Amino acid sequence: MLLRFFISLICLCCISVSSFSEEAILDLRQNDWSEGQIHSLQGNWDFYWQQFIEPDEFQKLESNPIPFPVPGAWNSPPEGFQKFPGFGHATYKITVLVPQHITNLFLSIPDMASAYKLWNNNELISKNGTIATSKDLESPAYLPKFVELTANNGKLELVLQTSNFHYKWGGVWYPLKLTDAEGFMN
């Protein structure tokens, strides 16, 4: 009986530690990557409320992320997720795995409220408006975009800083989508 207790306790500790140490990963390696296919980056991303974190700061970061759905408004998330005010700022992070032979891709970035900066593998690839920690400093911009990006050994590490002080709902309202040149042209 005591042995079962200790085994259960060890298993519980392992599960608890792993749930805090794992990063958000979206594995698309088994998807159909024939020409023109579109892949949604919908899922739970690492989320850091009221923090702007640069890509090179994650290694020394002491706070743990909260899993948060993309797409999902901060103040109206699906059931089971923490709710936040509509106004504020945050950083999202996800690692996307693609087949090793895929290098050049296009990312469809939807409308987002109110402003954002987006990096892939530590390179700033897009921004819209001016992100800020208050309404006075933020400059909103509401413009969807396509950007070209490169996978590094089958890996995309996306970091998105966003702020919203101008709309009722903050966050990423629609999923980002990944495709190749053929999908971009159509």
N, C-alpha and C. Protein backbone atom coordinates (compact mmCIF):
# COMPACT_ATOMS: atom_id res chain seq x y z
N MET A 1 0.82 -1.18 0.00
CA MET A 1 0.00 0.00 0.00
C MET A 1 0.87 1.26 0.00
N LEU A 2 1.90 1.27 0.84
CA LEU A 2 2.80 2.41 0.91
C LEU A 2 3.56 2.57 -0.41
N LEU A 3 3.94 1.45 -1.03
CA LEU A 3 4.63 1.49 -2.32
C LEU A 3 3.75 2.12 -3.39
N ARG A 4 2.49 1.77 -3.44
CA ARG A 4 1.56 2.37 -4.40
C ARG A 4 1.44 3.87 -4.18
N PHE A 5 1.39 4.28 -2.92
CA PHE A 5 1.30 5.70 -2.60
C PHE A 5 2.51 6.46 -3.16
N PHE A 6 3.70 5.94 -2.95
CA PHE A 6 4.91 6.61 -3.42
C PHE A 6 5.00 6.61 -4.95
N ILE A 7 4.59 5.53 -5.57
CA ILE A 7 4.59 5.48 -7.04
C ILE A 7 3.59 6.50 -7.59
N SER A 8 2.42 6.59 -6.99
CA SER A 8 1.42 7.58 -7.40
C SER A 8 1.93 9.00 -7.21
N LEU A 9 2.60 9.23 -6.08
CA LEU A 9 3.15 10.55 -5.79
C LEU A 9 4.23 10.93 -6.80
N ILE A 10 5.10 10.00 -7.14
CA ILE A 10 6.16 10.26 -8.13
C ILE A 10 5.54 10.56 -9.50
N CYS A 11 4.54 9.78 -9.90
CA CYS A 11 3.87 10.02 -11.19
C CYS A 11 3.21 11.39 -11.21
N LEU A 12 2.57 11.77 -10.12
CA LEU A 12 1.92 13.07 -10.04
C LEU A 12 2.93 14.19 -10.15
N CYS A 13 4.06 14.05 -9.49
CA CYS A 13 5.12 15.07 -9.56
C CYS A 13 5.66 15.18 -10.98
N CYS A 14 5.87 14.07 -11.64
CA CYS A 14 6.38 14.08 -13.02
C CYS A 14 5.40 14.78 -13.95
N ILE A 15 4.12 14.50 -13.80
CA ILE A 15 3.10 15.13 -14.63
C ILE A 15 3.07 16.63 -14.36
N SER A 16 3.13 17.02 -13.10
CA SER A 16 3.09 18.43 -12.75
C SER A 16 4.29 19.18 -13.29
N VAL A 17 5.47 18.64 -13.16
CA VAL A 17 6.69 19.29 -13.66
C VAL A 17 6.65 19.41 -15.16
N SER A 18 6.23 18.34 -15.86
CA SER A 18 6.23 18.39 -17.31
C SER A 18 5.21 19.37 -17.84
N SER A 19 4.09 19.55 -17.16
CA SER A 19 3.09 20.48 -17.65
C SER A 19 3.55 21.93 -17.57
N PHE A 20 4.45 22.23 -16.66
CA PHE A 20 4.96 23.59 -16.56
C PHE A 20 6.18 23.82 -17.43
N SER A 21 6.90 22.78 -17.80
CA SER A 21 8.14 22.97 -18.53
C SER A 21 7.99 22.83 -20.03
N GLU A 22 6.87 22.28 -20.50
CA GLU A 22 6.70 22.09 -21.93
C GLU A 22 6.28 23.39 -22.59
N GLU A 23 6.81 23.64 -23.78
CA GLU A 23 6.42 24.82 -24.52
C GLU A 23 5.34 24.44 -25.53
N ALA A 24 4.62 25.44 -26.00
CA ALA A 24 3.57 25.21 -26.99
C ALA A 24 4.21 24.81 -28.32
N ILE A 25 3.83 23.64 -28.83
CA ILE A 25 4.36 23.13 -30.09
C ILE A 25 3.19 22.68 -30.95
N LEU A 26 3.22 23.09 -32.21
CA LEU A 26 2.24 22.66 -33.19
C LEU A 26 3.00 21.85 -34.24
N ASP A 27 2.75 20.56 -34.28
CA ASP A 27 3.48 19.66 -35.18
C ASP A 27 2.68 19.45 -36.46
N LEU A 28 3.15 20.03 -37.55
CA LEU A 28 2.49 19.93 -38.85
C LEU A 28 3.26 19.02 -39.81
N ARG A 29 4.22 18.26 -39.30
CA ARG A 29 5.06 17.44 -40.18
C ARG A 29 4.29 16.35 -40.91
N GLN A 30 3.22 15.85 -40.33
CA GLN A 30 2.46 14.77 -40.96
C GLN A 30 1.33 15.29 -41.85
N ASN A 31 1.16 16.60 -41.92
CA ASN A 31 0.11 17.17 -42.77
C ASN A 31 0.44 16.97 -44.24
N ASP A 32 -0.56 17.15 -45.09
CA ASP A 32 -0.39 17.10 -46.53
C ASP A 32 0.28 18.39 -46.99
N TRP A 33 1.52 18.30 -47.45
CA TRP A 33 2.29 19.47 -47.86
C TRP A 33 2.39 19.57 -49.39
N SER A 34 1.42 18.99 -50.11
CA SER A 34 1.43 19.17 -51.56
C SER A 34 1.17 20.64 -51.88
N GLU A 35 1.49 21.06 -53.10
CA GLU A 35 1.41 22.47 -53.47
C GLU A 35 0.04 23.07 -53.21
N GLY A 36 0.03 24.25 -52.62
CA GLY A 36 -1.19 25.00 -52.40
C GLY A 36 -1.95 24.68 -51.13
N GLN A 37 -1.48 23.73 -50.34
CA GLN A 37 -2.17 23.38 -49.10
C GLN A 37 -2.02 24.51 -48.07
N ILE A 38 -3.07 24.73 -47.32
CA ILE A 38 -3.08 25.77 -46.30
C ILE A 38 -3.18 25.11 -44.92
N HIS A 39 -2.34 25.55 -43.99
CA HIS A 39 -2.26 24.96 -42.65
C HIS A 39 -2.57 26.02 -41.60
N SER A 40 -3.61 25.79 -40.81
CA SER A 40 -3.99 26.72 -39.76
C SER A 40 -3.04 26.56 -38.56
N LEU A 41 -2.68 27.67 -37.98
CA LEU A 41 -1.85 27.65 -36.76
C LEU A 41 -2.74 27.79 -35.52
N GLN A 42 -3.93 27.26 -35.64
CA GLN A 42 -4.90 27.28 -34.55
C GLN A 42 -4.46 26.29 -33.48
N GLY A 43 -4.54 26.71 -32.24
CA GLY A 43 -4.18 25.85 -31.12
C GLY A 43 -3.86 26.67 -29.89
N ASN A 44 -3.36 26.01 -28.87
CA ASN A 44 -2.99 26.70 -27.64
C ASN A 44 -1.55 27.19 -27.76
N TRP A 45 -1.38 28.49 -27.66
CA TRP A 45 -0.07 29.12 -27.70
C TRP A 45 0.32 29.47 -26.27
N ASP A 46 1.62 29.62 -26.02
CA ASP A 46 2.08 30.15 -24.74
C ASP A 46 1.67 31.62 -24.69
N PHE A 47 1.18 32.06 -23.55
CA PHE A 47 0.60 33.40 -23.42
C PHE A 47 1.15 34.06 -22.17
N TYR A 48 1.62 35.27 -22.32
CA TYR A 48 2.20 36.05 -21.21
C TYR A 48 1.44 37.37 -21.13
N TRP A 49 0.48 37.45 -20.22
CA TRP A 49 -0.37 38.62 -20.07
C TRP A 49 0.40 39.79 -19.48
N GLN A 50 0.17 40.97 -20.02
CA GLN A 50 0.76 42.24 -19.58
C GLN A 50 2.30 42.20 -19.63
N GLN A 51 2.84 41.47 -20.60
CA GLN A 51 4.29 41.40 -20.78
C GLN A 51 4.63 41.50 -22.27
N PHE A 52 5.61 42.33 -22.60
CA PHE A 52 6.21 42.32 -23.93
C PHE A 52 7.56 41.62 -23.78
N ILE A 53 7.69 40.45 -24.39
CA ILE A 53 8.90 39.66 -24.27
C ILE A 53 9.55 39.56 -25.65
N GLU A 54 10.79 39.94 -25.74
CA GLU A 54 11.55 39.82 -26.99
C GLU A 54 11.96 38.36 -27.18
N PRO A 55 12.13 37.91 -28.43
CA PRO A 55 12.48 36.50 -28.67
C PRO A 55 13.71 36.02 -27.92
N ASP A 56 14.73 36.87 -27.78
CA ASP A 56 15.96 36.43 -27.11
C ASP A 56 15.86 36.46 -25.58
N GLU A 57 14.74 36.89 -25.03
CA GLU A 57 14.55 36.95 -23.58
C GLU A 57 13.93 35.69 -22.99
N PHE A 58 13.43 34.77 -23.82
CA PHE A 58 12.75 33.60 -23.30
C PHE A 58 13.67 32.65 -22.53
N GLN A 59 14.94 32.58 -22.90
CA GLN A 59 15.87 31.68 -22.22
C GLN A 59 16.07 32.05 -20.76
N LYS A 60 16.00 33.33 -20.42
CA LYS A 60 16.22 33.75 -19.04
C LYS A 60 14.92 34.13 -18.33
N LEU A 61 13.78 33.86 -18.97
CA LEU A 61 12.48 34.20 -18.42
C LEU A 61 12.15 33.34 -17.20
N GLU A 62 11.65 33.97 -16.16
CA GLU A 62 11.32 33.24 -14.93
C GLU A 62 9.84 32.96 -14.79
N SER A 63 8.98 33.70 -15.49
CA SER A 63 7.54 33.46 -15.35
C SER A 63 7.09 32.36 -16.31
N ASN A 64 6.08 31.60 -15.89
CA ASN A 64 5.53 30.53 -16.71
C ASN A 64 4.40 31.06 -17.58
N PRO A 65 4.29 30.53 -18.79
CA PRO A 65 3.19 30.96 -19.65
C PRO A 65 1.88 30.32 -19.24
N ILE A 66 0.81 30.91 -19.76
CA ILE A 66 -0.52 30.35 -19.61
C ILE A 66 -0.92 29.84 -21.00
N PRO A 67 -1.40 28.62 -21.15
CA PRO A 67 -1.90 28.20 -22.46
C PRO A 67 -3.14 29.03 -22.81
N PHE A 68 -3.16 29.57 -24.03
CA PHE A 68 -4.30 30.37 -24.46
C PHE A 68 -4.58 30.09 -25.92
N PRO A 69 -5.87 29.95 -26.28
CA PRO A 69 -6.21 29.55 -27.65
C PRO A 69 -6.03 30.68 -28.67
N VAL A 70 -5.49 30.31 -29.80
CA VAL A 70 -5.44 31.18 -30.97
C VAL A 70 -6.22 30.45 -32.05
N PRO A 71 -7.30 31.02 -32.57
CA PRO A 71 -7.82 32.34 -32.22
C PRO A 71 -8.57 32.32 -30.89
N GLY A 72 -8.69 33.52 -30.32
CA GLY A 72 -9.42 33.67 -29.08
C GLY A 72 -9.28 35.07 -28.53
N ALA A 73 -10.40 35.72 -28.26
CA ALA A 73 -10.38 37.04 -27.65
C ALA A 73 -10.02 36.91 -26.17
N TRP A 74 -9.24 37.83 -25.68
CA TRP A 74 -8.81 37.77 -24.27
C TRP A 74 -10.00 37.76 -23.32
N ASN A 75 -11.01 38.57 -23.62
CA ASN A 75 -12.12 38.72 -22.70
C ASN A 75 -13.31 37.81 -23.04
N SER A 76 -13.14 36.90 -24.00
CA SER A 76 -14.21 35.98 -24.35
C SER A 76 -13.62 34.65 -24.83
N PRO A 77 -12.77 34.02 -24.00
CA PRO A 77 -12.15 32.77 -24.43
C PRO A 77 -13.13 31.60 -24.33
N PRO A 78 -12.80 30.49 -24.98
CA PRO A 78 -13.63 29.29 -24.83
C PRO A 78 -13.66 28.84 -23.36
N GLU A 79 -14.65 28.05 -23.03
CA GLU A 79 -14.78 27.55 -21.67
C GLU A 79 -13.52 26.78 -21.26
N GLY A 80 -13.09 26.99 -20.05
CA GLY A 80 -11.92 26.30 -19.52
C GLY A 80 -10.65 27.12 -19.59
N PHE A 81 -10.70 28.29 -20.22
CA PHE A 81 -9.52 29.15 -20.32
C PHE A 81 -9.72 30.40 -19.48
N GLN A 82 -8.62 30.90 -18.95
CA GLN A 82 -8.66 32.10 -18.13
C GLN A 82 -9.10 33.29 -18.96
N LYS A 83 -9.92 34.15 -18.37
CA LYS A 83 -10.43 35.34 -19.03
C LYS A 83 -9.61 36.55 -18.58
N PHE A 84 -9.37 37.46 -19.53
CA PHE A 84 -8.61 38.68 -19.25
C PHE A 84 -9.41 39.88 -19.72
N PRO A 85 -9.06 41.09 -19.28
CA PRO A 85 -9.76 42.28 -19.79
C PRO A 85 -9.53 42.45 -21.29
N GLY A 86 -10.44 43.14 -21.96
CA GLY A 86 -10.29 43.40 -23.39
C GLY A 86 -9.11 44.31 -23.70
N PHE A 87 -8.84 45.25 -22.78
CA PHE A 87 -7.72 46.17 -22.96
C PHE A 87 -6.49 45.64 -22.24
N GLY A 88 -5.35 45.69 -22.92
CA GLY A 88 -4.10 45.24 -22.32
C GLY A 88 -3.09 44.90 -23.39
N HIS A 89 -2.06 44.20 -22.97
CA HIS A 89 -1.03 43.77 -23.92
C HIS A 89 -0.50 42.41 -23.50
N ALA A 90 0.09 41.69 -24.46
CA ALA A 90 0.55 40.32 -24.17
C ALA A 90 1.56 39.89 -25.22
N THR A 91 2.23 38.79 -24.88
CA THR A 91 3.12 38.11 -25.82
C THR A 91 2.65 36.67 -25.96
N TYR A 92 2.60 36.22 -27.19
CA TYR A 92 2.27 34.83 -27.53
C TYR A 92 3.52 34.18 -28.10
N LYS A 93 3.64 32.86 -27.92
CA LYS A 93 4.78 32.14 -28.48
C LYS A 93 4.36 30.72 -28.83
N ILE A 94 4.83 30.25 -29.98
CA ILE A 94 4.59 28.86 -30.37
C ILE A 94 5.73 28.41 -31.27
N THR A 95 6.06 27.13 -31.18
CA THR A 95 7.00 26.49 -32.10
C THR A 95 6.18 25.65 -33.06
N VAL A 96 6.42 25.86 -34.36
CA VAL A 96 5.71 25.12 -35.40
C VAL A 96 6.72 24.23 -36.10
N LEU A 97 6.43 22.93 -36.15
CA LEU A 97 7.30 21.97 -36.81
C LEU A 97 6.73 21.66 -38.19
N VAL A 98 7.60 21.78 -39.21
CA VAL A 98 7.23 21.46 -40.59
C VAL A 98 8.26 20.47 -41.13
N PRO A 99 7.95 19.78 -42.25
CA PRO A 99 8.93 18.84 -42.80
C PRO A 99 10.26 19.54 -43.11
N GLN A 100 11.37 18.82 -42.92
CA GLN A 100 12.71 19.38 -43.10
C GLN A 100 12.92 19.98 -44.49
N HIS A 101 12.31 19.39 -45.52
CA HIS A 101 12.52 19.87 -46.89
C HIS A 101 11.76 21.16 -47.20
N ILE A 102 10.84 21.56 -46.33
CA ILE A 102 10.09 22.80 -46.51
C ILE A 102 10.91 23.95 -45.93
N THR A 103 11.22 24.93 -46.76
CA THR A 103 11.99 26.06 -46.25
C THR A 103 11.25 27.37 -46.42
N ASN A 104 10.89 27.74 -47.64
CA ASN A 104 10.22 29.01 -47.88
C ASN A 104 8.71 28.85 -47.78
N LEU A 105 8.12 29.64 -46.91
CA LEU A 105 6.69 29.58 -46.65
C LEU A 105 6.11 30.99 -46.64
N PHE A 106 4.79 31.05 -46.69
CA PHE A 106 4.09 32.32 -46.57
C PHE A 106 3.11 32.20 -45.40
N LEU A 107 3.05 33.28 -44.62
CA LEU A 107 2.18 33.31 -43.46
C LEU A 107 1.10 34.36 -43.69
N SER A 108 -0.15 33.95 -43.58
CA SER A 108 -1.27 34.87 -43.64
C SER A 108 -1.54 35.36 -42.23
N ILE A 109 -1.41 36.67 -42.04
CA ILE A 109 -1.64 37.27 -40.73
C ILE A 109 -2.97 38.02 -40.81
N PRO A 110 -3.96 37.61 -40.02
CA PRO A 110 -5.29 38.23 -40.10
C PRO A 110 -5.33 39.59 -39.41
N ASP A 111 -6.50 40.23 -39.50
CA ASP A 111 -6.74 41.45 -38.72
C ASP A 111 -6.55 41.14 -37.25
N MET A 112 -5.87 42.02 -36.55
CA MET A 112 -5.68 41.87 -35.11
C MET A 112 -5.90 43.22 -34.45
N ALA A 113 -6.45 43.20 -33.27
CA ALA A 113 -6.66 44.45 -32.54
C ALA A 113 -5.58 44.58 -31.48
N SER A 114 -4.94 45.65 -31.40
CA SER A 114 -4.99 46.84 -32.23
C SER A 114 -3.67 46.97 -32.99
N ALA A 115 -2.60 46.45 -32.40
CA ALA A 115 -1.28 46.55 -33.00
C ALA A 115 -0.47 45.30 -32.64
N TYR A 116 0.54 44.98 -33.46
CA TYR A 116 1.36 43.80 -33.15
C TYR A 116 2.75 43.92 -33.76
N LYS A 117 3.65 43.08 -33.25
CA LYS A 117 4.98 42.80 -33.81
C LYS A 117 5.14 41.30 -33.82
N LEU A 118 5.64 40.75 -34.93
CA LEU A 118 5.74 39.31 -35.08
C LEU A 118 7.14 38.92 -35.54
N TRP A 119 7.74 37.97 -34.82
CA TRP A 119 9.06 37.44 -35.16
C TRP A 119 8.95 35.98 -35.56
N ASN A 120 9.85 35.55 -36.46
CA ASN A 120 10.05 34.14 -36.75
C ASN A 120 11.53 33.85 -36.58
N ASN A 121 11.85 32.88 -35.76
CA ASN A 121 13.25 32.50 -35.52
C ASN A 121 14.12 33.72 -35.26
N ASN A 122 13.66 34.57 -34.33
CA ASN A 122 14.37 35.77 -33.86
C ASN A 122 14.48 36.89 -34.88
N GLU A 123 13.80 36.80 -36.01
CA GLU A 123 13.82 37.85 -37.02
C GLU A 123 12.45 38.51 -37.08
N LEU A 124 12.41 39.84 -36.95
CA LEU A 124 11.16 40.57 -37.05
C LEU A 124 10.66 40.45 -38.49
N ILE A 125 9.45 39.89 -38.67
CA ILE A 125 8.95 39.66 -40.02
C ILE A 125 7.73 40.53 -40.35
N SER A 126 7.07 41.09 -39.33
CA SER A 126 5.90 41.92 -39.62
C SER A 126 5.54 42.75 -38.40
N LYS A 127 4.95 43.88 -38.67
CA LYS A 127 4.38 44.69 -37.59
C LYS A 127 3.25 45.51 -38.17
N ASN A 128 2.34 45.88 -37.31
CA ASN A 128 1.17 46.65 -37.70
C ASN A 128 0.87 47.62 -36.57
N GLY A 129 0.82 48.89 -36.85
CA GLY A 129 0.60 49.88 -35.81
C GLY A 129 1.79 49.96 -34.87
N THR A 130 1.56 50.53 -33.70
CA THR A 130 2.60 50.64 -32.67
C THR A 130 2.07 50.02 -31.39
N ILE A 131 2.72 48.93 -30.94
CA ILE A 131 2.30 48.30 -29.69
C ILE A 131 2.69 49.19 -28.52
N ALA A 132 1.92 49.08 -27.43
CA ALA A 132 2.20 49.92 -26.27
C ALA A 132 1.52 49.32 -25.05
N THR A 133 1.82 49.95 -23.92
CA THR A 133 1.23 49.53 -22.65
C THR A 133 0.08 50.43 -22.21
N SER A 134 -0.30 51.40 -23.07
CA SER A 134 -1.42 52.29 -22.76
C SER A 134 -2.04 52.82 -24.05
N LYS A 135 -3.26 53.31 -23.95
CA LYS A 135 -3.96 53.85 -25.12
C LYS A 135 -3.25 55.07 -25.69
N ASP A 136 -2.71 55.91 -24.81
CA ASP A 136 -2.02 57.13 -25.27
C ASP A 136 -0.82 56.83 -26.16
N LEU A 137 -0.15 55.70 -25.91
CA LEU A 137 1.07 55.37 -26.64
C LEU A 137 0.83 54.44 -27.83
N GLU A 138 -0.29 53.73 -27.83
CA GLU A 138 -0.57 52.78 -28.90
C GLU A 138 -1.12 53.48 -30.14
N SER A 139 -0.66 53.02 -31.31
CA SER A 139 -1.23 53.46 -32.58
C SER A 139 -1.84 52.24 -33.25
N PRO A 140 -3.17 52.18 -33.31
CA PRO A 140 -3.79 51.00 -33.90
C PRO A 140 -3.64 50.96 -35.41
N ALA A 141 -3.63 49.76 -35.95
CA ALA A 141 -3.65 49.53 -37.39
C ALA A 141 -4.39 48.22 -37.61
N TYR A 142 -5.23 48.21 -38.59
CA TYR A 142 -6.12 47.08 -38.78
C TYR A 142 -5.96 46.60 -40.22
N LEU A 143 -4.92 45.82 -40.48
CA LEU A 143 -4.59 45.45 -41.84
C LEU A 143 -4.07 44.02 -41.90
N PRO A 144 -4.77 43.12 -42.59
CA PRO A 144 -4.23 41.77 -42.77
C PRO A 144 -3.03 41.81 -43.72
N LYS A 145 -2.13 40.83 -43.58
CA LYS A 145 -0.92 40.80 -44.40
C LYS A 145 -0.53 39.37 -44.74
N PHE A 146 0.29 39.24 -45.78
CA PHE A 146 1.01 38.02 -46.09
C PHE A 146 2.49 38.34 -45.96
N VAL A 147 3.24 37.48 -45.29
CA VAL A 147 4.68 37.67 -45.20
C VAL A 147 5.38 36.36 -45.55
N GLU A 148 6.55 36.49 -46.15
CA GLU A 148 7.35 35.32 -46.47
C GLU A 148 8.25 35.02 -45.27
N LEU A 149 8.39 33.74 -44.95
CA LEU A 149 9.27 33.36 -43.86
C LEU A 149 9.97 32.06 -44.19
N THR A 150 11.03 31.79 -43.45
CA THR A 150 11.87 30.63 -43.70
C THR A 150 11.89 29.73 -42.49
N ALA A 151 11.73 28.44 -42.74
CA ALA A 151 11.86 27.45 -41.67
C ALA A 151 13.35 27.17 -41.46
N ASN A 152 13.73 26.98 -40.23
CA ASN A 152 15.11 26.67 -39.87
C ASN A 152 15.16 25.23 -39.39
N ASN A 153 15.67 24.32 -40.23
CA ASN A 153 15.70 22.89 -39.90
C ASN A 153 14.32 22.37 -39.52
N GLY A 154 13.31 22.76 -40.29
CA GLY A 154 11.97 22.28 -40.03
C GLY A 154 11.28 22.92 -38.85
N LYS A 155 11.73 24.10 -38.47
CA LYS A 155 11.20 24.73 -37.26
C LYS A 155 10.93 26.22 -37.49
N LEU A 156 9.77 26.64 -37.05
CA LEU A 156 9.42 28.06 -36.98
C LEU A 156 9.17 28.37 -35.52
N GLU A 157 9.80 29.39 -35.01
CA GLU A 157 9.54 29.83 -33.64
C GLU A 157 8.92 31.22 -33.73
N LEU A 158 7.60 31.25 -33.57
CA LEU A 158 6.86 32.50 -33.71
C LEU A 158 6.64 33.16 -32.36
N VAL A 159 6.96 34.45 -32.30
CA VAL A 159 6.73 35.27 -31.11
C VAL A 159 5.91 36.47 -31.57
N LEU A 160 4.78 36.65 -30.92
CA LEU A 160 3.86 37.72 -31.28
C LEU A 160 3.60 38.60 -30.08
N GLN A 161 3.96 39.87 -30.20
CA GLN A 161 3.62 40.86 -29.17
C GLN A 161 2.42 41.63 -29.71
N THR A 162 1.39 41.79 -28.89
CA THR A 162 0.22 42.53 -29.34
C THR A 162 -0.35 43.36 -28.20
N SER A 163 -0.96 44.47 -28.58
CA SER A 163 -1.63 45.31 -27.58
C SER A 163 -2.98 45.73 -28.14
N ASN A 164 -3.91 45.97 -27.23
CA ASN A 164 -5.23 46.45 -27.62
C ASN A 164 -5.76 47.41 -26.57
N PHE A 165 -5.94 48.65 -27.00
CA PHE A 165 -6.55 49.66 -26.16
C PHE A 165 -7.62 50.44 -26.93
N HIS A 166 -8.03 49.92 -28.10
CA HIS A 166 -8.96 50.65 -28.94
C HIS A 166 -10.21 49.87 -29.33
N TYR A 167 -10.26 48.57 -29.08
CA TYR A 167 -11.41 47.76 -29.46
C TYR A 167 -11.94 47.01 -28.24
N LYS A 168 -13.17 46.57 -28.32
CA LYS A 168 -13.81 45.88 -27.20
C LYS A 168 -13.11 44.56 -26.86
N TRP A 169 -12.66 43.82 -27.88
CA TRP A 169 -12.02 42.52 -27.69
C TRP A 169 -10.57 42.61 -28.10
N GLY A 170 -9.69 42.10 -27.26
CA GLY A 170 -8.28 42.06 -27.58
C GLY A 170 -7.84 40.66 -27.92
N GLY A 171 -6.67 40.54 -28.52
CA GLY A 171 -6.12 39.23 -28.82
C GLY A 171 -6.12 38.91 -30.30
N VAL A 172 -5.91 37.65 -30.60
CA VAL A 172 -5.85 37.17 -31.98
C VAL A 172 -7.23 36.62 -32.32
N TRP A 173 -7.97 37.32 -33.15
CA TRP A 173 -9.36 36.98 -33.44
C TRP A 173 -9.51 35.84 -34.44
N TYR A 174 -8.56 35.72 -35.36
CA TYR A 174 -8.63 34.71 -36.41
C TYR A 174 -7.31 33.95 -36.46
N PRO A 175 -7.32 32.70 -36.94
CA PRO A 175 -6.05 31.95 -36.96
C PRO A 175 -5.08 32.47 -38.02
N LEU A 176 -3.81 32.39 -37.69
CA LEU A 176 -2.77 32.62 -38.69
C LEU A 176 -2.72 31.36 -39.55
N LYS A 177 -2.34 31.51 -40.83
CA LYS A 177 -2.32 30.36 -41.73
C LYS A 177 -1.01 30.33 -42.49
N LEU A 178 -0.53 29.12 -42.71
CA LEU A 178 0.76 28.88 -43.35
C LEU A 178 0.53 28.18 -44.68
N THR A 179 1.27 28.59 -45.72
CA THR A 179 1.15 27.94 -47.02
C THR A 179 2.46 28.09 -47.79
N ASP A 180 2.51 27.53 -48.99
CA ASP A 180 3.67 27.67 -49.87
C ASP A 180 3.37 28.73 -50.93
N ALA A 181 4.27 28.90 -51.89
CA ALA A 181 4.09 29.91 -52.93
C ALA A 181 2.81 29.69 -53.72
N GLU A 182 2.48 28.44 -53.99
CA GLU A 182 1.26 28.12 -54.75
C GLU A 182 0.01 28.54 -53.99
N GLY A 183 -0.03 28.28 -52.70
CA GLY A 183 -1.16 28.68 -51.87
C GLY A 183 -1.25 30.19 -51.72
N PHE A 184 -0.12 30.86 -51.74
CA PHE A 184 -0.08 32.32 -51.62
C PHE A 184 -0.66 32.97 -52.87
N MET A 185 -0.41 32.39 -54.03
CA MET A 185 -0.87 32.96 -55.29
C MET A 185 -2.36 32.77 -55.49
N ASN A 186 -2.96 31.79 -54.85
CA ASN A 186 -4.40 31.53 -55.06
C ASN A 186 -5.26 32.24 -54.06
